[in-house]
Amino acid sequence: MSDTPLVTALFAPASVTAGVLALAQIDASGDQILVSGDAAWIRLFDGDGAWLGDGDVTDETGTGFAKVLGTDGTRLRAGARAKITISLA
């Protein structure tokens, strides 16, 4: 695992619907990708900067804790925007 983040995404407070916890990015267009690379994991922090946990990343067809927009892998390109969804049942 690299310690260099590809993107720093900001999420709105979590919501729960029908027993599913969901996090949505504050910016509906996604957050800017800072470094190109393949996203394999995500690290979550709360609003005060305290670590909450880590999880795997897949594209929308996978079963990852976090999913990036698209169906052809998790490659992120610097300068583009990353759309990430997180939901837990």
PDB file of N, CA and C in Angstrom:
ATOM      1  N   MET A   1       0.829  -1.176   0.000  1.00  0.00           N
ATOM      2  CA  MET A   1       0.000   0.000   0.000  1.00  0.00           C
ATOM      3  C   MET A   1       0.873   1.240   0.000  1.00  0.00           C
ATOM      4  N   SER A   2       0.535   2.148  -0.858  1.00  0.00           N
ATOM      5  CA  SER A   2       1.229   3.428  -0.881  1.00  0.00           C
ATOM      6  C   SER A   2       0.551   4.381   0.096  1.00  0.00           C
ATOM      7  N   ASP A   3       1.337   5.247   0.708  1.00  0.00           N
ATOM      8  CA  ASP A   3       0.768   6.239   1.615  1.00  0.00           C
ATOM      9  C   ASP A   3       0.404   7.530   0.899  1.00  0.00           C
ATOM     10  N   THR A   4       0.661   7.606  -0.410  1.00  0.00           N
ATOM     11  CA  THR A   4       0.331   8.790  -1.187  1.00  0.00           C
ATOM     12  C   THR A   4      -1.102   8.686  -1.695  1.00  0.00           C
ATOM     13  N   PRO A   5      -1.995   9.558  -1.233  1.00  0.00           N
ATOM     14  CA  PRO A   5      -3.387   9.470  -1.702  1.00  0.00           C
ATOM     15  C   PRO A   5      -3.515   9.876  -3.168  1.00  0.00           C
ATOM     16  N   LEU A   6      -4.349   9.149  -3.896  1.00  0.00           N
ATOM     17  CA  LEU A   6      -4.649   9.506  -5.281  1.00  0.00           C
ATOM     18  C   LEU A   6      -5.634  10.660  -5.321  1.00  0.00           C
ATOM     19  N   VAL A   7      -6.538  10.672  -4.365  1.00  0.00           N
ATOM     20  CA  VAL A   7      -7.584  11.700  -4.281  1.00  0.00           C
ATOM     21  C   VAL A   7      -8.011  11.832  -2.825  1.00  0.00           C
ATOM     22  N   THR A   8      -8.357  13.034  -2.433  1.00  0.00           N
ATOM     23  CA  THR A   8      -8.956  13.261  -1.127  1.00  0.00           C
ATOM     24  C   THR A   8     -10.402  13.645  -1.374  1.00  0.00           C
ATOM     25  N   ALA A   9     -11.307  12.768  -0.969  1.00  0.00           N
ATOM     26  CA  ALA A   9     -12.735  12.986  -1.208  1.00  0.00           C
ATOM     27  C   ALA A   9     -13.414  13.414   0.087  1.00  0.00           C
ATOM     28  N   LEU A  10     -14.317  14.369  -0.027  1.00  0.00           N
ATOM     29  CA  LEU A  10     -15.081  14.849   1.121  1.00  0.00           C
ATOM     30  C   LEU A  10     -16.512  14.336   1.021  1.00  0.00           C
ATOM     31  N   PHE A  11     -16.985  13.729   2.106  1.00  0.00           N
ATOM     32  CA  PHE A  11     -18.317  13.134   2.124  1.00  0.00           C
ATOM     33  C   PHE A  11     -19.238  13.884   3.076  1.00  0.00           C
ATOM     34  N   ALA A  12     -20.501  13.929   2.722  1.00  0.00           N
ATOM     35  CA  ALA A  12     -21.532  14.496   3.584  1.00  0.00           C
ATOM     36  C   ALA A  12     -21.775  13.526   4.741  1.00  0.00           C
ATOM     37  N   PRO A  13     -22.445  13.982   5.804  1.00  0.00           N
ATOM     38  CA  PRO A  13     -22.784  13.050   6.890  1.00  0.00           C
ATOM     39  C   PRO A  13     -23.524  11.826   6.348  1.00  0.00           C
ATOM     40  N   ALA A  14     -23.280  10.697   6.958  1.00  0.00           N
ATOM     41  CA  ALA A  14     -23.885   9.436   6.514  1.00  0.00           C
ATOM     42  C   ALA A  14     -25.399   9.477   6.665  1.00  0.00           C
ATOM     43  N   SER A  15     -26.052   8.701   5.805  1.00  0.00           N
ATOM     44  CA  SER A  15     -27.498   8.523   5.911  1.00  0.00           C
ATOM     45  C   SER A  15     -27.789   7.028   5.986  1.00  0.00           C
ATOM     46  N   VAL A  16     -28.916   6.677   6.580  1.00  0.00           N
ATOM     47  CA  VAL A  16     -29.338   5.282   6.667  1.00  0.00           C
ATOM     48  C   VAL A  16     -30.739   5.175   6.088  1.00  0.00           C
ATOM     49  N   THR A  17     -30.884   4.302   5.090  1.00  0.00           N
ATOM     50  CA  THR A  17     -32.176   4.055   4.458  1.00  0.00           C
ATOM     51  C   THR A  17     -32.363   2.552   4.352  1.00  0.00           C
ATOM     52  N   ALA A  18     -33.464   2.046   4.886  1.00  0.00           N
ATOM     53  CA  ALA A  18     -33.779   0.618   4.839  1.00  0.00           C
ATOM     54  C   ALA A  18     -32.611  -0.235   5.325  1.00  0.00           C
ATOM     55  N   GLY A  19     -31.940   0.215   6.380  1.00  0.00           N
ATOM     56  CA  GLY A  19     -30.851  -0.549   6.966  1.00  0.00           C
ATOM     57  C   GLY A  19     -29.526  -0.470   6.244  1.00  0.00           C
ATOM     58  N   VAL A  20     -29.422   0.416   5.259  1.00  0.00           N
ATOM     59  CA  VAL A  20     -28.169   0.570   4.510  1.00  0.00           C
ATOM     60  C   VAL A  20     -27.557   1.932   4.830  1.00  0.00           C
ATOM     61  N   LEU A  21     -26.313   1.914   5.336  1.00  0.00           N
ATOM     62  CA  LEU A  21     -25.570   3.139   5.612  1.00  0.00           C
ATOM     63  C   LEU A  21     -24.918   3.596   4.321  1.00  0.00           C
ATOM     64  N   ALA A  22     -25.128   4.848   3.944  1.00  0.00           N
ATOM     65  CA  ALA A  22     -24.568   5.361   2.693  1.00  0.00           C
ATOM     66  C   ALA A  22     -23.830   6.669   2.938  1.00  0.00           C
ATOM     67  N   LEU A  23     -22.715   6.829   2.235  1.00  0.00           N
ATOM     68  CA  LEU A  23     -21.954   8.074   2.235  1.00  0.00           C
ATOM     69  C   LEU A  23     -21.943   8.606   0.820  1.00  0.00           C
ATOM     70  N   ALA A  24     -22.204   9.894   0.667  1.00  0.00           N
ATOM     71  CA  ALA A  24     -22.185  10.530  -0.648  1.00  0.00           C
ATOM     72  C   ALA A  24     -21.201  11.693  -0.614  1.00  0.00           C
ATOM     73  N   GLN A  25     -20.472  11.864  -1.704  1.00  0.00           N
ATOM     74  CA  GLN A  25     -19.540  12.979  -1.784  1.00  0.00           C
ATOM     75  C   GLN A  25     -20.280  14.303  -1.720  1.00  0.00           C
ATOM     76  N   ILE A  26     -19.665  15.276  -1.073  1.00  0.00           N
ATOM     77  CA  ILE A  26     -20.265  16.605  -0.976  1.00  0.00           C
ATOM     78  C   ILE A  26     -20.397  17.226  -2.359  1.00  0.00           C
ATOM     79  N   ASP A  27     -19.354  17.116  -3.175  1.00  0.00           N
ATOM     80  CA  ASP A  27     -19.376  17.657  -4.535  1.00  0.00           C
ATOM     81  C   ASP A  27     -19.915  16.587  -5.480  1.00  0.00           C
ATOM     82  N   ALA A  28     -21.096  16.799  -6.019  1.00  0.00           N
ATOM     83  CA  ALA A  28     -21.740  15.811  -6.888  1.00  0.00           C
ATOM     84  C   ALA A  28     -20.923  15.479  -8.134  1.00  0.00           C
ATOM     85  N   SER A  29     -19.992  16.361  -8.521  1.00  0.00           N
ATOM     86  CA  SER A  29     -19.157  16.079  -9.696  1.00  0.00           C
ATOM     87  C   SER A  29     -17.904  15.292  -9.328  1.00  0.00           C
ATOM     88  N   GLY A  30     -17.737  14.963  -8.057  1.00  0.00           N
ATOM     89  CA  GLY A  30     -16.570  14.206  -7.609  1.00  0.00           C
ATOM     90  C   GLY A  30     -15.472  15.135  -7.121  1.00  0.00           C
ATOM     91  N   ASP A  31     -14.392  14.537  -6.651  1.00  0.00           N
ATOM     92  CA  ASP A  31     -13.244  15.301  -6.161  1.00  0.00           C
ATOM     93  C   ASP A  31     -12.070  15.116  -7.112  1.00  0.00           C
ATOM     94  N   GLN A  32     -11.235  16.152  -7.216  1.00  0.00           N
ATOM     95  CA  GLN A  32     -10.132  16.124  -8.174  1.00  0.00           C
ATOM     96  C   GLN A  32      -9.089  15.079  -7.796  1.00  0.00           C
ATOM     97  N   ILE A  33      -8.679  14.306  -8.790  1.00  0.00           N
ATOM     98  CA  ILE A  33      -7.647  13.290  -8.615  1.00  0.00           C
ATOM     99  C   ILE A  33      -6.294  13.987  -8.664  1.00  0.00           C
ATOM    100  N   LEU A  34      -5.480  13.772  -7.625  1.00  0.00           N
ATOM    101  CA  LEU A  34      -4.194  14.449  -7.505  1.00  0.00           C
ATOM    102  C   LEU A  34      -3.052  13.678  -8.148  1.00  0.00           C
ATOM    103  N   VAL A  35      -3.115  12.339  -8.080  1.00  0.00           N
ATOM    104  CA  VAL A  35      -2.042  11.475  -8.572  1.00  0.00           C
ATOM    105  C   VAL A  35      -2.666  10.335  -9.352  1.00  0.00           C
ATOM    106  N   SER A  36      -2.111   9.999 -10.515  1.00  0.00           N
ATOM    107  CA  SER A  36      -2.621   8.867 -11.295  1.00  0.00           C
ATOM    108  C   SER A  36      -2.229   7.547 -10.635  1.00  0.00           C
ATOM    109  N   GLY A  37      -3.130   6.571 -10.727  1.00  0.00           N
ATOM    110  CA  GLY A  37      -2.835   5.247 -10.191  1.00  0.00           C
ATOM    111  C   GLY A  37      -4.089   4.413 -10.103  1.00  0.00           C
ATOM    112  N   ASP A  38      -3.907   3.166  -9.697  1.00  0.00           N
ATOM    113  CA  ASP A  38      -5.025   2.248  -9.516  1.00  0.00           C
ATOM    114  C   ASP A  38      -5.461   2.286  -8.059  1.00  0.00           C
ATOM    115  N   ALA A  39      -6.702   2.645  -7.828  1.00  0.00           N
ATOM    116  CA  ALA A  39      -7.232   2.693  -6.459  1.00  0.00           C
ATOM    117  C   ALA A  39      -7.517   1.272  -5.994  1.00  0.00           C
ATOM    118  N   ALA A  40      -6.879   0.860  -4.910  1.00  0.00           N
ATOM    119  CA  ALA A  40      -7.083  -0.475  -4.359  1.00  0.00           C
ATOM    120  C   ALA A  40      -7.702  -0.434  -2.974  1.00  0.00           C
ATOM    121  N   TRP A  41      -7.523   0.682  -2.268  1.00  0.00           N
ATOM    122  CA  TRP A  41      -8.040   0.796  -0.908  1.00  0.00           C
ATOM    123  C   TRP A  41      -8.409   2.237  -0.608  1.00  0.00           C
ATOM    124  N   ILE A  42      -9.232   2.411   0.420  1.00  0.00           N
ATOM    125  CA  ILE A  42      -9.685   3.725   0.834  1.00  0.00           C
ATOM    126  C   ILE A  42      -9.482   3.841   2.344  1.00  0.00           C
ATOM    127  N   ARG A  43      -9.111   5.006   2.804  1.00  0.00           N
ATOM    128  CA  ARG A  43      -8.955   5.272   4.238  1.00  0.00           C
ATOM    129  C   ARG A  43      -9.950   6.358   4.617  1.00  0.00           C
ATOM    130  N   LEU A  44     -10.718   6.101   5.654  1.00  0.00           N
ATOM    131  CA  LEU A  44     -11.748   7.041   6.090  1.00  0.00           C
ATOM    132  C   LEU A  44     -11.354   7.716   7.399  1.00  0.00           C
ATOM    133  N   PHE A  45     -11.613   9.021   7.454  1.00  0.00           N
ATOM    134  CA  PHE A  45     -11.393   9.820   8.653  1.00  0.00           C
ATOM    135  C   PHE A  45     -12.695  10.553   8.970  1.00  0.00           C
ATOM    136  N   ASP A  46     -12.915  10.852  10.247  1.00  0.00           N
ATOM    137  CA  ASP A  46     -14.087  11.647  10.586  1.00  0.00           C
ATOM    138  C   ASP A  46     -13.782  13.126  10.387  1.00  0.00           C
ATOM    139  N   GLY A  47     -14.749  13.976  10.681  1.00  0.00           N
ATOM    140  CA  GLY A  47     -14.595  15.412  10.463  1.00  0.00           C
ATOM    141  C   GLY A  47     -13.509  16.057  11.289  1.00  0.00           C
ATOM    142  N   ASP A  48     -13.076  15.379  12.361  1.00  0.00           N
ATOM    143  CA  ASP A  48     -11.998  15.899  13.201  1.00  0.00           C
ATOM    144  C   ASP A  48     -10.641  15.329  12.831  1.00  0.00           C
ATOM    145  N   GLY A  49     -10.598  14.477  11.792  1.00  0.00           N
ATOM    146  CA  GLY A  49      -9.334  13.903  11.346  1.00  0.00           C
ATOM    147  C   GLY A  49      -8.962  12.594  12.008  1.00  0.00           C
ATOM    148  N   ALA A  50      -9.850  12.024  12.831  1.00  0.00           N
ATOM    149  CA  ALA A  50      -9.569  10.744  13.473  1.00  0.00           C
ATOM    150  C   ALA A  50      -9.839   9.600  12.491  1.00  0.00           C
ATOM    151  N   TRP A  51      -8.924   8.637  12.460  1.00  0.00           N
ATOM    152  CA  TRP A  51      -9.047   7.493  11.561  1.00  0.00           C
ATOM    153  C   TRP A  51     -10.252   6.641  11.945  1.00  0.00           C
ATOM    154  N   LEU A  52     -11.077   6.271  10.944  1.00  0.00           N
ATOM    155  CA  LEU A  52     -12.242   5.420  11.170  1.00  0.00           C
ATOM    156  C   LEU A  52     -12.016   3.993  10.685  1.00  0.00           C
ATOM    157  N   GLY A  53     -11.288   3.839   9.575  1.00  0.00           N
ATOM    158  CA  GLY A  53     -11.056   2.507   9.040  1.00  0.00           C
ATOM    159  C   GLY A  53     -10.602   2.540   7.599  1.00  0.00           C
ATOM    160  N   ASP A  54     -10.239   1.383   7.105  1.00  0.00           N
ATOM    161  CA  ASP A  54      -9.803   1.197   5.716  1.00  0.00           C
ATOM    162  C   ASP A  54     -10.720   0.181   5.047  1.00  0.00           C
ATOM    163  N   GLY A  55     -10.826   0.247   3.729  1.00  0.00           N
ATOM    164  CA  GLY A  55     -11.619  -0.718   2.983  1.00  0.00           C
ATOM    165  C   GLY A  55     -11.108  -0.847   1.564  1.00  0.00           C
ATOM    166  N   ASP A  56     -11.567  -1.875   0.874  1.00  0.00           N
ATOM    167  CA  ASP A  56     -11.130  -2.092  -0.503  1.00  0.00           C
ATOM    168  C   ASP A  56     -11.956  -1.258  -1.466  1.00  0.00           C
ATOM    169  N   VAL A  57     -11.408  -1.048  -2.668  1.00  0.00           N
ATOM    170  CA  VAL A  57     -12.046  -0.253  -3.718  1.00  0.00           C
ATOM    171  C   VAL A  57     -12.179  -1.110  -4.969  1.00  0.00           C
ATOM    172  N   THR A  58     -13.350  -1.060  -5.578  1.00  0.00           N
ATOM    173  CA  THR A  58     -13.579  -1.717  -6.860  1.00  0.00           C
ATOM    174  C   THR A  58     -14.315  -0.745  -7.769  1.00  0.00           C
ATOM    175  N   ASP A  59     -14.522  -1.159  -9.028  1.00  0.00           N
ATOM    176  CA  ASP A  59     -15.393  -0.360  -9.886  1.00  0.00           C
ATOM    177  C   ASP A  59     -16.834  -0.721  -9.536  1.00  0.00           C
ATOM    178  N   GLU A  60     -17.790  -0.168 -10.266  1.00  0.00           N
ATOM    179  CA  GLU A  60     -19.205  -0.363  -9.932  1.00  0.00           C
ATOM    180  C   GLU A  60     -19.674  -1.810 -10.056  1.00  0.00           C
ATOM    181  N   THR A  61     -18.957  -2.645 -10.797  1.00  0.00           N
ATOM    182  CA  THR A  61     -19.371  -4.040 -10.954  1.00  0.00           C
ATOM    183  C   THR A  61     -18.817  -4.924  -9.844  1.00  0.00           C
ATOM    184  N   GLY A  62     -17.902  -4.395  -9.036  1.00  0.00           N
ATOM    185  CA  GLY A  62     -17.279  -5.188  -7.978  1.00  0.00           C
ATOM    186  C   GLY A  62     -18.059  -5.145  -6.673  1.00  0.00           C
ATOM    187  N   THR A  63     -17.462  -5.754  -5.672  1.00  0.00           N
ATOM    188  CA  THR A  63     -18.108  -5.849  -4.359  1.00  0.00           C
ATOM    189  C   THR A  63     -17.340  -5.068  -3.296  1.00  0.00           C
ATOM    190  N   GLY A  64     -16.533  -4.107  -3.718  1.00  0.00           N
ATOM    191  CA  GLY A  64     -15.718  -3.345  -2.782  1.00  0.00           C
ATOM    192  C   GLY A  64     -16.523  -2.511  -1.809  1.00  0.00           C
ATOM    193  N   PHE A  65     -15.905  -2.222  -0.684  1.00  0.00           N
ATOM    194  CA  PHE A  65     -16.467  -1.322   0.322  1.00  0.00           C
ATOM    195  C   PHE A  65     -16.766   0.035  -0.320  1.00  0.00           C
ATOM    196  N   ALA A  66     -15.828   0.503  -1.136  1.00  0.00           N
ATOM    197  CA  ALA A  66     -16.002   1.747  -1.886  1.00  0.00           C
ATOM    198  C   ALA A  66     -15.965   1.414  -3.370  1.00  0.00           C
ATOM    199  N   LYS A  67     -16.764   2.132  -4.148  1.00  0.00           N
ATOM    200  CA  LYS A  67     -16.808   1.891  -5.590  1.00  0.00           C
ATOM    201  C   LYS A  67     -16.556   3.189  -6.336  1.00  0.00           C
ATOM    202  N   VAL A  68     -15.693   3.114  -7.350  1.00  0.00           N
ATOM    203  CA  VAL A  68     -15.460   4.275  -8.205  1.00  0.00           C
ATOM    204  C   VAL A  68     -16.348   4.142  -9.441  1.00  0.00           C
ATOM    205  N   LEU A  69     -16.760   5.285  -9.960  1.00  0.00           N
ATOM    206  CA  LEU A  69     -17.628   5.320 -11.134  1.00  0.00           C
ATOM    207  C   LEU A  69     -16.960   4.611 -12.304  1.00  0.00           C
ATOM    208  N   GLY A  70     -17.708   3.770 -12.977  1.00  0.00           N
ATOM    209  CA  GLY A  70     -17.210   3.074 -14.152  1.00  0.00           C
ATOM    210  C   GLY A  70     -17.237   1.571 -13.964  1.00  0.00           C
ATOM    211  N   THR A  71     -17.007   0.863 -15.068  1.00  0.00           N
ATOM    212  CA  THR A  71     -17.073  -0.600 -15.036  1.00  0.00           C
ATOM    213  C   THR A  71     -15.823  -1.257 -15.600  1.00  0.00           C
ATOM    214  N   ASP A  72     -14.743  -0.486 -15.759  1.00  0.00           N
ATOM    215  CA  ASP A  72     -13.541  -1.068 -16.359  1.00  0.00           C
ATOM    216  C   ASP A  72     -12.304  -0.911 -15.468  1.00  0.00           C
ATOM    217  N   GLY A  73     -12.495  -1.092 -14.170  1.00  0.00           N
ATOM    218  CA  GLY A  73     -11.369  -1.046 -13.244  1.00  0.00           C
ATOM    219  C   GLY A  73     -11.348   0.225 -12.413  1.00  0.00           C
ATOM    220  N   THR A  74     -10.275   0.378 -11.651  1.00  0.00           N
ATOM    221  CA  THR A  74     -10.181   1.474 -10.684  1.00  0.00           C
ATOM    222  C   THR A  74      -9.062   2.459 -11.022  1.00  0.00           C
ATOM    223  N   ARG A  75      -8.653   2.509 -12.276  1.00  0.00           N
ATOM    224  CA  ARG A  75      -7.597   3.435 -12.688  1.00  0.00           C
ATOM    225  C   ARG A  75      -8.094   4.869 -12.575  1.00  0.00           C
ATOM    226  N   LEU A  76      -7.359   5.699 -11.840  1.00  0.00           N
ATOM    227  CA  LEU A  76      -7.682   7.116 -11.697  1.00  0.00           C
ATOM    228  C   LEU A  76      -6.588   7.930 -12.377  1.00  0.00           C
ATOM    229  N   ARG A  77      -6.983   8.991 -13.072  1.00  0.00           N
ATOM    230  CA  ARG A  77      -6.029   9.813 -13.816  1.00  0.00           C
ATOM    231  C   ARG A  77      -5.971  11.219 -13.239  1.00  0.00           C
ATOM    232  N   ALA A  78      -4.764  11.662 -12.907  1.00  0.00           N
ATOM    233  CA  ALA A  78      -4.563  12.987 -12.313  1.00  0.00           C
ATOM    234  C   ALA A  78      -5.235  14.059 -13.164  1.00  0.00           C
ATOM    235  N   GLY A  79      -5.908  14.976 -12.505  1.00  0.00           N
ATOM    236  CA  GLY A  79      -6.586  16.072 -13.181  1.00  0.00           C
ATOM    237  C   GLY A  79      -8.059  15.804 -13.442  1.00  0.00           C
ATOM    238  N   ALA A  80      -8.443  14.527 -13.481  1.00  0.00           N
ATOM    239  CA  ALA A  80      -9.855  14.176 -13.666  1.00  0.00           C
ATOM    240  C   ALA A  80     -10.549  14.235 -12.299  1.00  0.00           C
ATOM    241  N   ARG A  81     -11.817  13.857 -12.270  1.00  0.00           N
ATOM    242  CA  ARG A  81     -12.562  13.866 -11.010  1.00  0.00           C
ATOM    243  C   ARG A  81     -12.986  12.439 -10.678  1.00  0.00           C
ATOM    244  N   ALA A  82     -12.914  12.096  -9.410  1.00  0.00           N
ATOM    245  CA  ALA A  82     -13.289  10.757  -8.950  1.00  0.00           C
ATOM    246  C   ALA A  82     -14.658  10.794  -8.296  1.00  0.00           C
ATOM    247  N   LYS A  83     -15.551   9.952  -8.778  1.00  0.00           N
ATOM    248  CA  LYS A  83     -16.872   9.750  -8.158  1.00  0.00           C
ATOM    249  C   LYS A  83     -16.795   8.452  -7.374  1.00  0.00           C
ATOM    250  N   ILE A  84     -17.041   8.542  -6.073  1.00  0.00           N
ATOM    251  CA  ILE A  84     -16.904   7.393  -5.180  1.00  0.00           C
ATOM    252  C   ILE A  84     -18.210   7.213  -4.415  1.00  0.00           C
ATOM    253  N   THR A  85     -18.677   5.965  -4.324  1.00  0.00           N
ATOM    254  CA  THR A  85     -19.843   5.679  -3.505  1.00  0.00           C
ATOM    255  C   THR A  85     -19.449   4.661  -2.440  1.00  0.00           C
ATOM    256  N   ILE A  86     -20.053   4.805  -1.281  1.00  0.00           N
ATOM    257  CA  ILE A  86     -19.823   3.885  -0.173  1.00  0.00           C
ATOM    258  C   ILE A  86     -21.181   3.535   0.408  1.00  0.00           C
ATOM    259  N   SER A  87     -21.456   2.223   0.533  1.00  0.00           N
ATOM    260  CA  SER A  87     -22.685   1.806   1.191  1.00  0.00           C
ATOM    261  C   SER A  87     -22.436   0.492   1.921  1.00  0.00           C
ATOM    262  N   LEU A  88     -23.013   0.389   3.100  1.00  0.00           N
ATOM    263  CA  LEU A  88     -22.859  -0.801   3.931  1.00  0.00           C
ATOM    264  C   LEU A  88     -24.226  -1.283   4.376  1.00  0.00           C
ATOM    265  N   ALA A  89     -24.465  -2.551   4.160  1.00  0.00           N
ATOM    266  CA  ALA A  89     -25.747  -3.131   4.580  1.00  0.00           C
ATOM    267  C   ALA A  89     -25.602  -3.724   5.967  1.00  0.00           C
TER     268      ALA A  89
END
